[in-house]
Amino acid sequence: MSSSHGKPRRRTFLATGLGAAVLAGVSRPVGAAEPSAIEKANMDVVERFCAAWPSHDLEKILSFFADNGAYRMTETMEPAKGREAMAARIKTIINNVDRFEILDTFARGPMVVNERIDRFSNFQLKSWHGVGVFFLKDGKIVEWYDYTIVAERA
């Protein structure tokens, strides 16, 4: 369990379970600062944006974006750039959204990352579990890119 120099190896520490338990219990890096006022405001914008989807109100949803915004629905799709392209992309799913269930959110400067489960009805997917990465400027979403963890087909 020790290296040839008598010091414990990191791999051994983690493999014992003790290391894994210690790491699992740390929800925030030691010494990490609380979110700044701007980060909190950006997280609030993203949370309100996600909460707006069940309204099926396209204009309300688009109001969270900058005019030159971009939206990439999944990592395999090209981003829709600009208000008209984003509206067209959002229209393909908006009426099938039941809710966005946010599991975790954090911000670093203008970036907000959230882990979500998006729930759908009358759609090819029953649910989508993934991570959204948002870039905000002046309280508006400039870029929203989603990355899939797992999708459950209907």
N, C-alpha and C. Protein backbone atom coordinates (compact mmCIF):
# COMPACT_ATOMS: atom_id res chain seq x y z
N MET A 1 0.80 -1.19 0.00
CA MET A 1 0.00 0.00 0.00
C MET A 1 0.84 1.25 0.00
N SER A 2 2.13 1.08 0.05
CA SER A 2 3.02 2.22 0.03
C SER A 2 3.93 2.10 -1.17
N SER A 3 4.43 3.24 -1.58
CA SER A 3 5.39 3.22 -2.67
C SER A 3 6.72 2.76 -2.11
N SER A 4 7.71 2.66 -2.95
CA SER A 4 9.02 2.21 -2.49
C SER A 4 9.65 3.23 -1.56
N HIS A 5 9.10 4.44 -1.49
CA HIS A 5 9.63 5.48 -0.61
C HIS A 5 8.86 5.57 0.69
N GLY A 6 7.92 4.67 0.93
CA GLY A 6 7.18 4.65 2.19
C GLY A 6 6.00 5.59 2.24
N LYS A 7 5.69 6.29 1.17
CA LYS A 7 4.55 7.21 1.14
C LYS A 7 3.34 6.49 0.54
N PRO A 8 2.14 6.73 1.06
CA PRO A 8 0.96 6.08 0.50
C PRO A 8 0.74 6.53 -0.95
N ARG A 9 0.31 5.63 -1.74
CA ARG A 9 -0.03 5.96 -3.13
C ARG A 9 -1.44 6.48 -3.21
N ARG A 10 -1.68 7.44 -4.07
CA ARG A 10 -3.02 8.01 -4.25
C ARG A 10 -4.00 6.95 -4.71
N ARG A 11 -3.57 6.10 -5.61
CA ARG A 11 -4.45 5.05 -6.13
C ARG A 11 -4.87 4.12 -5.00
N THR A 12 -3.94 3.77 -4.13
CA THR A 12 -4.25 2.90 -3.00
C THR A 12 -5.22 3.58 -2.05
N PHE A 13 -5.00 4.87 -1.79
CA PHE A 13 -5.88 5.63 -0.92
C PHE A 13 -7.30 5.62 -1.45
N LEU A 14 -7.46 5.85 -2.76
CA LEU A 14 -8.79 5.87 -3.35
C LEU A 14 -9.40 4.48 -3.39
N ALA A 15 -8.58 3.49 -3.64
CA ALA A 15 -9.09 2.12 -3.77
C ALA A 15 -9.58 1.57 -2.44
N THR A 16 -9.08 2.07 -1.35
CA THR A 16 -9.49 1.55 -0.04
C THR A 16 -10.93 1.89 0.29
N GLY A 17 -11.52 2.79 -0.44
CA GLY A 17 -12.89 3.19 -0.12
C GLY A 17 -12.90 4.43 0.75
N LEU A 18 -11.89 4.54 1.62
CA LEU A 18 -11.80 5.72 2.47
C LEU A 18 -11.63 6.96 1.60
N GLY A 19 -10.73 6.88 0.65
CA GLY A 19 -10.50 8.01 -0.25
C GLY A 19 -11.75 8.34 -1.04
N ALA A 20 -12.43 7.31 -1.52
CA ALA A 20 -13.66 7.54 -2.27
C ALA A 20 -14.73 8.17 -1.40
N ALA A 21 -14.82 7.72 -0.15
CA ALA A 21 -15.82 8.29 0.76
C ALA A 21 -15.51 9.74 1.07
N VAL A 22 -14.24 10.06 1.25
CA VAL A 22 -13.85 11.45 1.50
C VAL A 22 -14.20 12.31 0.30
N LEU A 23 -13.85 11.85 -0.90
CA LEU A 23 -14.13 12.63 -2.11
C LEU A 23 -15.62 12.78 -2.34
N ALA A 24 -16.41 11.76 -2.06
CA ALA A 24 -17.86 11.83 -2.26
C ALA A 24 -18.50 12.81 -1.30
N GLY A 25 -17.92 12.99 -0.14
CA GLY A 25 -18.49 13.89 0.85
C GLY A 25 -18.19 15.35 0.61
N VAL A 26 -17.34 15.65 -0.34
CA VAL A 26 -16.98 17.03 -0.63
C VAL A 26 -17.87 17.53 -1.76
N SER A 27 -18.80 18.41 -1.42
CA SER A 27 -19.71 18.91 -2.44
C SER A 27 -19.16 20.15 -3.11
N ARG A 28 -18.27 20.86 -2.46
CA ARG A 28 -17.67 22.07 -2.98
C ARG A 28 -16.19 21.99 -2.70
N PRO A 29 -15.37 22.30 -3.67
CA PRO A 29 -13.93 22.23 -3.42
C PRO A 29 -13.56 23.06 -2.19
N VAL A 30 -12.66 22.53 -1.40
CA VAL A 30 -12.21 23.22 -0.20
C VAL A 30 -11.64 24.57 -0.61
N GLY A 31 -12.11 25.62 0.04
CA GLY A 31 -11.61 26.95 -0.25
C GLY A 31 -12.29 27.63 -1.42
N ALA A 32 -13.25 26.96 -2.05
CA ALA A 32 -13.95 27.57 -3.18
C ALA A 32 -14.83 28.71 -2.67
N ALA A 33 -14.83 29.78 -3.42
CA ALA A 33 -15.61 30.95 -3.04
C ALA A 33 -17.09 30.72 -3.31
N GLU A 34 -17.92 31.38 -2.55
CA GLU A 34 -19.36 31.38 -2.81
C GLU A 34 -19.58 32.10 -4.14
N PRO A 35 -20.67 31.80 -4.84
CA PRO A 35 -20.93 32.49 -6.11
C PRO A 35 -21.00 34.01 -5.91
N SER A 36 -20.48 34.72 -6.87
CA SER A 36 -20.56 36.18 -6.83
C SER A 36 -21.99 36.62 -7.12
N ALA A 37 -22.26 37.89 -6.95
CA ALA A 37 -23.60 38.42 -7.23
C ALA A 37 -23.96 38.20 -8.70
N ILE A 38 -23.00 38.38 -9.60
CA ILE A 38 -23.27 38.17 -11.03
C ILE A 38 -23.53 36.69 -11.31
N GLU A 39 -22.76 35.81 -10.69
CA GLU A 39 -22.98 34.37 -10.88
C GLU A 39 -24.35 33.96 -10.36
N LYS A 40 -24.73 34.48 -9.19
CA LYS A 40 -26.07 34.18 -8.65
C LYS A 40 -27.15 34.68 -9.60
N ALA A 41 -26.98 35.88 -10.13
CA ALA A 41 -27.96 36.43 -11.08
C ALA A 41 -28.03 35.58 -12.34
N ASN A 42 -26.90 35.11 -12.84
CA ASN A 42 -26.88 34.26 -14.03
C ASN A 42 -27.56 32.92 -13.77
N MET A 43 -27.31 32.35 -12.58
CA MET A 43 -27.98 31.09 -12.23
C MET A 43 -29.49 31.30 -12.15
N ASP A 44 -29.91 32.44 -11.62
CA ASP A 44 -31.33 32.75 -11.53
C ASP A 44 -31.96 32.85 -12.92
N VAL A 45 -31.27 33.49 -13.86
CA VAL A 45 -31.78 33.58 -15.24
C VAL A 45 -31.98 32.19 -15.81
N VAL A 46 -30.99 31.32 -15.67
CA VAL A 46 -31.08 29.96 -16.22
C VAL A 46 -32.20 29.17 -15.53
N GLU A 47 -32.33 29.31 -14.22
CA GLU A 47 -33.41 28.60 -13.52
C GLU A 47 -34.79 29.09 -13.96
N ARG A 48 -34.95 30.41 -14.14
CA ARG A 48 -36.23 30.93 -14.62
C ARG A 48 -36.49 30.52 -16.06
N PHE A 49 -35.44 30.47 -16.86
CA PHE A 49 -35.55 30.01 -18.24
C PHE A 49 -36.05 28.56 -18.29
N CYS A 50 -35.45 27.70 -17.50
CA CYS A 50 -35.87 26.29 -17.46
C CYS A 50 -37.31 26.16 -16.95
N ALA A 51 -37.67 26.98 -15.97
CA ALA A 51 -39.03 26.94 -15.42
C ALA A 51 -40.06 27.45 -16.42
N ALA A 52 -39.66 28.21 -17.43
CA ALA A 52 -40.60 28.78 -18.40
C ALA A 52 -41.06 27.75 -19.44
N TRP A 53 -40.33 26.70 -19.65
CA TRP A 53 -40.66 25.75 -20.72
C TRP A 53 -42.05 25.12 -20.62
N PRO A 54 -42.52 24.71 -19.46
CA PRO A 54 -43.87 24.11 -19.41
C PRO A 54 -44.99 25.06 -19.81
N SER A 55 -44.71 26.36 -19.88
CA SER A 55 -45.73 27.33 -20.32
C SER A 55 -46.01 27.20 -21.82
N HIS A 56 -45.07 26.59 -22.56
CA HIS A 56 -45.17 26.44 -24.01
C HIS A 56 -45.28 27.79 -24.71
N ASP A 57 -44.79 28.84 -24.07
CA ASP A 57 -44.85 30.21 -24.58
C ASP A 57 -43.52 30.53 -25.27
N LEU A 58 -43.50 30.45 -26.59
CA LEU A 58 -42.28 30.65 -27.36
C LEU A 58 -41.66 32.02 -27.10
N GLU A 59 -42.45 33.06 -27.10
CA GLU A 59 -41.91 34.40 -26.89
C GLU A 59 -41.30 34.56 -25.50
N LYS A 60 -41.93 33.97 -24.51
CA LYS A 60 -41.39 34.02 -23.15
C LYS A 60 -40.02 33.33 -23.10
N ILE A 61 -39.93 32.17 -23.72
CA ILE A 61 -38.68 31.42 -23.74
C ILE A 61 -37.61 32.19 -24.50
N LEU A 62 -37.96 32.72 -25.66
CA LEU A 62 -37.00 33.48 -26.46
C LEU A 62 -36.55 34.76 -25.77
N SER A 63 -37.36 35.30 -24.87
CA SER A 63 -37.00 36.55 -24.19
C SER A 63 -35.77 36.40 -23.30
N PHE A 64 -35.39 35.18 -22.97
CA PHE A 64 -34.21 34.96 -22.15
C PHE A 64 -32.92 35.02 -22.97
N PHE A 65 -33.03 34.98 -24.30
CA PHE A 65 -31.86 34.95 -25.18
C PHE A 65 -31.47 36.34 -25.67
N ALA A 66 -30.17 36.52 -25.89
CA ALA A 66 -29.68 37.69 -26.62
C ALA A 66 -30.13 37.53 -28.07
N ASP A 67 -30.25 38.64 -28.79
CA ASP A 67 -30.69 38.58 -30.19
C ASP A 67 -29.78 37.71 -31.06
N ASN A 68 -28.50 37.68 -30.73
CA ASN A 68 -27.55 36.87 -31.51
C ASN A 68 -27.29 35.52 -30.85
N GLY A 69 -28.24 35.04 -30.06
CA GLY A 69 -28.07 33.80 -29.32
C GLY A 69 -27.90 32.57 -30.19
N ALA A 70 -27.42 31.51 -29.55
CA ALA A 70 -27.24 30.23 -30.24
C ALA A 70 -27.71 29.12 -29.31
N TYR A 71 -28.30 28.08 -29.92
CA TYR A 71 -28.82 26.93 -29.16
C TYR A 71 -28.44 25.66 -29.90
N ARG A 72 -27.77 24.77 -29.19
CA ARG A 72 -27.45 23.45 -29.74
C ARG A 72 -28.17 22.42 -28.89
N MET A 73 -29.15 21.75 -29.48
CA MET A 73 -30.03 20.83 -28.77
C MET A 73 -29.28 19.62 -28.21
N THR A 74 -28.34 19.09 -28.95
CA THR A 74 -27.51 17.98 -28.47
C THR A 74 -26.12 18.13 -29.07
N GLU A 75 -25.21 17.37 -28.53
CA GLU A 75 -23.82 17.44 -28.99
C GLU A 75 -23.64 17.00 -30.44
N THR A 76 -24.62 16.32 -31.00
CA THR A 76 -24.52 15.83 -32.38
C THR A 76 -25.15 16.78 -33.40
N MET A 77 -25.74 17.86 -32.94
CA MET A 77 -26.43 18.79 -33.84
C MET A 77 -25.64 20.10 -33.98
N GLU A 78 -25.81 20.71 -35.12
CA GLU A 78 -25.25 22.04 -35.33
C GLU A 78 -26.07 23.05 -34.54
N PRO A 79 -25.45 24.10 -34.04
CA PRO A 79 -26.22 25.10 -33.30
C PRO A 79 -27.15 25.90 -34.21
N ALA A 80 -28.30 26.25 -33.67
CA ALA A 80 -29.21 27.19 -34.33
C ALA A 80 -28.75 28.57 -33.88
N LYS A 81 -28.42 29.44 -34.84
CA LYS A 81 -27.86 30.75 -34.51
C LYS A 81 -28.81 31.85 -34.93
N GLY A 82 -29.07 32.77 -34.00
CA GLY A 82 -29.97 33.88 -34.27
C GLY A 82 -31.39 33.55 -33.85
N ARG A 83 -32.16 34.60 -33.63
CA ARG A 83 -33.52 34.46 -33.08
C ARG A 83 -34.42 33.57 -33.94
N GLU A 84 -34.44 33.77 -35.24
CA GLU A 84 -35.33 32.98 -36.11
C GLU A 84 -34.96 31.50 -36.12
N ALA A 85 -33.67 31.21 -36.20
CA ALA A 85 -33.22 29.81 -36.21
C ALA A 85 -33.51 29.14 -34.87
N MET A 86 -33.28 29.87 -33.77
CA MET A 86 -33.58 29.30 -32.45
C MET A 86 -35.07 29.06 -32.30
N ALA A 87 -35.90 30.01 -32.75
CA ALA A 87 -37.35 29.84 -32.66
C ALA A 87 -37.79 28.59 -33.42
N ALA A 88 -37.25 28.40 -34.61
CA ALA A 88 -37.61 27.22 -35.41
C ALA A 88 -37.21 25.94 -34.70
N ARG A 89 -36.02 25.91 -34.09
CA ARG A 89 -35.56 24.70 -33.39
C ARG A 89 -36.41 24.45 -32.15
N ILE A 90 -36.68 25.49 -31.38
CA ILE A 90 -37.45 25.34 -30.14
C ILE A 90 -38.88 24.90 -30.45
N LYS A 91 -39.45 25.37 -31.55
CA LYS A 91 -40.81 24.98 -31.94
C LYS A 91 -40.93 23.47 -32.14
N THR A 92 -39.84 22.79 -32.46
CA THR A 92 -39.91 21.35 -32.71
C THR A 92 -40.16 20.54 -31.43
N ILE A 93 -39.93 21.15 -30.25
CA ILE A 93 -40.13 20.40 -29.00
C ILE A 93 -40.99 21.10 -27.97
N ILE A 94 -41.20 22.40 -28.12
CA ILE A 94 -41.81 23.20 -27.05
C ILE A 94 -43.13 22.64 -26.54
N ASN A 95 -43.99 22.18 -27.41
CA ASN A 95 -45.32 21.72 -26.98
C ASN A 95 -45.31 20.34 -26.34
N ASN A 96 -44.15 19.68 -26.38
CA ASN A 96 -44.03 18.35 -25.77
C ASN A 96 -43.35 18.37 -24.40
N VAL A 97 -42.88 19.53 -23.98
CA VAL A 97 -42.16 19.64 -22.71
C VAL A 97 -43.14 19.66 -21.54
N ASP A 98 -42.96 18.72 -20.62
CA ASP A 98 -43.72 18.73 -19.37
C ASP A 98 -43.01 19.59 -18.34
N ARG A 99 -41.69 19.35 -18.21
CA ARG A 99 -40.92 20.14 -17.26
C ARG A 99 -39.44 19.85 -17.44
N PHE A 100 -38.63 20.78 -16.95
CA PHE A 100 -37.19 20.61 -16.82
C PHE A 100 -36.92 20.48 -15.33
N GLU A 101 -36.42 19.34 -14.93
CA GLU A 101 -36.11 19.08 -13.52
C GLU A 101 -34.61 19.32 -13.31
N ILE A 102 -34.26 20.41 -12.63
CA ILE A 102 -32.87 20.75 -12.41
C ILE A 102 -32.34 19.96 -11.22
N LEU A 103 -31.25 19.21 -11.46
CA LEU A 103 -30.64 18.39 -10.41
C LEU A 103 -29.49 19.12 -9.73
N ASP A 104 -28.77 19.94 -10.48
CA ASP A 104 -27.62 20.65 -9.93
C ASP A 104 -27.32 21.84 -10.82
N THR A 105 -26.85 22.92 -10.22
CA THR A 105 -26.47 24.13 -10.97
C THR A 105 -25.26 24.76 -10.31
N PHE A 106 -24.33 25.21 -11.14
CA PHE A 106 -23.23 26.03 -10.62
C PHE A 106 -22.82 27.02 -11.69
N ALA A 107 -22.12 28.06 -11.26
CA ALA A 107 -21.68 29.10 -12.18
C ALA A 107 -20.21 29.40 -11.95
N ARG A 108 -19.55 29.77 -13.02
CA ARG A 108 -18.20 30.27 -12.99
C ARG A 108 -18.18 31.46 -13.94
N GLY A 109 -18.15 32.65 -13.36
CA GLY A 109 -18.19 33.86 -14.19
C GLY A 109 -19.46 33.87 -15.02
N PRO A 110 -19.34 34.08 -16.33
CA PRO A 110 -20.53 34.16 -17.18
C PRO A 110 -21.10 32.80 -17.60
N MET A 111 -20.48 31.71 -17.13
CA MET A 111 -20.92 30.37 -17.50
C MET A 111 -21.78 29.78 -16.40
N VAL A 112 -22.91 29.19 -16.80
CA VAL A 112 -23.77 28.45 -15.88
C VAL A 112 -23.89 27.03 -16.43
N VAL A 113 -23.72 26.06 -15.56
CA VAL A 113 -23.84 24.66 -15.94
C VAL A 113 -24.94 24.06 -15.08
N ASN A 114 -25.88 23.37 -15.74
CA ASN A 114 -26.88 22.67 -14.96
C ASN A 114 -27.04 21.25 -15.47
N GLU A 115 -27.29 20.35 -14.52
CA GLU A 115 -27.64 18.97 -14.85
C GLU A 115 -29.14 18.89 -14.71
N ARG A 116 -29.81 18.35 -15.73
CA ARG A 116 -31.27 18.33 -15.75
C ARG A 116 -31.78 16.99 -16.27
N ILE A 117 -33.05 16.77 -15.92
CA ILE A 117 -33.84 15.74 -16.60
C ILE A 117 -35.01 16.47 -17.21
N ASP A 118 -35.07 16.47 -18.53
CA ASP A 118 -36.17 17.10 -19.24
C ASP A 118 -37.23 16.03 -19.48
N ARG A 119 -38.45 16.32 -19.10
CA ARG A 119 -39.56 15.36 -19.20
C ARG A 119 -40.48 15.79 -20.34
N PHE A 120 -40.93 14.81 -21.14
CA PHE A 120 -41.75 15.07 -22.32
C PHE A 120 -43.01 14.21 -22.33
N SER A 121 -44.01 14.66 -23.08
CA SER A 121 -45.20 13.85 -23.36
C SER A 121 -45.49 13.95 -24.85
N ASN A 122 -46.07 12.89 -25.39
CA ASN A 122 -46.40 12.83 -26.82
C ASN A 122 -45.20 13.18 -27.69
N PHE A 123 -44.06 12.57 -27.37
CA PHE A 123 -42.82 12.90 -28.06
C PHE A 123 -42.00 11.63 -28.21
N GLN A 124 -41.01 11.65 -29.07
CA GLN A 124 -40.15 10.48 -29.28
C GLN A 124 -39.33 10.12 -28.04
N LEU A 125 -39.13 11.09 -27.16
CA LEU A 125 -38.44 10.85 -25.90
C LEU A 125 -39.41 10.96 -24.74
N LYS A 126 -39.23 10.11 -23.76
CA LYS A 126 -39.96 10.23 -22.50
C LYS A 126 -39.20 11.19 -21.58
N SER A 127 -37.86 11.04 -21.57
CA SER A 127 -37.03 11.93 -20.78
C SER A 127 -35.65 12.03 -21.40
N TRP A 128 -34.99 13.12 -21.07
CA TRP A 128 -33.62 13.38 -21.50
C TRP A 128 -32.85 13.84 -20.28
N HIS A 129 -31.77 13.14 -19.95
CA HIS A 129 -30.92 13.49 -18.81
C HIS A 129 -29.61 14.00 -19.40
N GLY A 130 -29.26 15.21 -19.04
CA GLY A 130 -28.04 15.77 -19.59
C GLY A 130 -27.55 16.99 -18.84
N VAL A 131 -26.60 17.64 -19.46
CA VAL A 131 -25.97 18.82 -18.90
C VAL A 131 -26.13 19.96 -19.90
N GLY A 132 -26.61 21.09 -19.39
CA GLY A 132 -26.71 22.30 -20.19
C GLY A 132 -25.60 23.25 -19.80
N VAL A 133 -24.95 23.82 -20.81
CA VAL A 133 -23.90 24.81 -20.59
C VAL A 133 -24.40 26.11 -21.21
N PHE A 134 -24.50 27.13 -20.38
CA PHE A 134 -25.04 28.42 -20.79
C PHE A 134 -23.97 29.49 -20.65
N PHE A 135 -23.84 30.35 -21.65
CA PHE A 135 -22.98 31.53 -21.58
C PHE A 135 -23.90 32.74 -21.57
N LEU A 136 -23.77 33.57 -20.55
CA LEU A 136 -24.64 34.74 -20.40
C LEU A 136 -23.84 36.03 -20.49
N LYS A 137 -24.49 37.04 -21.02
CA LYS A 137 -23.92 38.38 -21.07
C LYS A 137 -25.04 39.37 -20.84
N ASP A 138 -24.84 40.27 -19.92
CA ASP A 138 -25.84 41.30 -19.60
C ASP A 138 -27.21 40.69 -19.29
N GLY A 139 -27.21 39.57 -18.57
CA GLY A 139 -28.46 38.95 -18.14
C GLY A 139 -29.21 38.19 -19.22
N LYS A 140 -28.58 37.97 -20.36
CA LYS A 140 -29.21 37.23 -21.46
C LYS A 140 -28.36 36.03 -21.84
N ILE A 141 -29.02 34.96 -22.29
CA ILE A 141 -28.31 33.76 -22.74
C ILE A 141 -27.79 34.02 -24.15
N VAL A 142 -26.47 33.93 -24.30
CA VAL A 142 -25.84 34.10 -25.61
C VAL A 142 -25.67 32.74 -26.28
N GLU A 143 -25.32 31.73 -25.48
CA GLU A 143 -25.17 30.37 -26.01
C GLU A 143 -25.75 29.38 -25.02
N TRP A 144 -26.46 28.38 -25.54
CA TRP A 144 -26.98 27.28 -24.74
C TRP A 144 -26.68 26.00 -25.50
N TYR A 145 -25.82 25.18 -24.94
CA TYR A 145 -25.45 23.91 -25.55
C TYR A 145 -25.77 22.80 -24.57
N ASP A 146 -26.48 21.76 -25.04
CA ASP A 146 -26.84 20.62 -24.21
C ASP A 146 -26.01 19.40 -24.60
N TYR A 147 -25.67 18.60 -23.59
CA TYR A 147 -24.89 17.38 -23.77
C TYR A 147 -25.62 16.24 -23.08
N THR A 148 -25.85 15.17 -23.81
CA THR A 148 -26.65 14.05 -23.35
C THR A 148 -25.87 13.11 -22.44
N ILE A 149 -26.49 12.76 -21.32
CA ILE A 149 -25.99 11.67 -20.48
C ILE A 149 -26.73 10.40 -20.89
N VAL A 150 -28.08 10.46 -20.87
CA VAL A 150 -28.89 9.33 -21.33
C VAL A 150 -30.26 9.85 -21.74
N ALA A 151 -30.82 9.25 -22.76
CA ALA A 151 -32.17 9.60 -23.21
C ALA A 151 -33.04 8.36 -23.14
N GLU A 152 -34.24 8.54 -22.61
CA GLU A 152 -35.19 7.43 -22.52
C GLU A 152 -36.24 7.60 -23.61
N ARG A 153 -36.29 6.67 -24.52
CA ARG A 153 -37.26 6.71 -25.64
C ARG A 153 -38.67 6.44 -25.12
N ALA A 154 -39.63 7.04 -25.78
CA ALA A 154 -41.04 6.84 -25.41
C ALA A 154 -41.52 5.48 -25.84
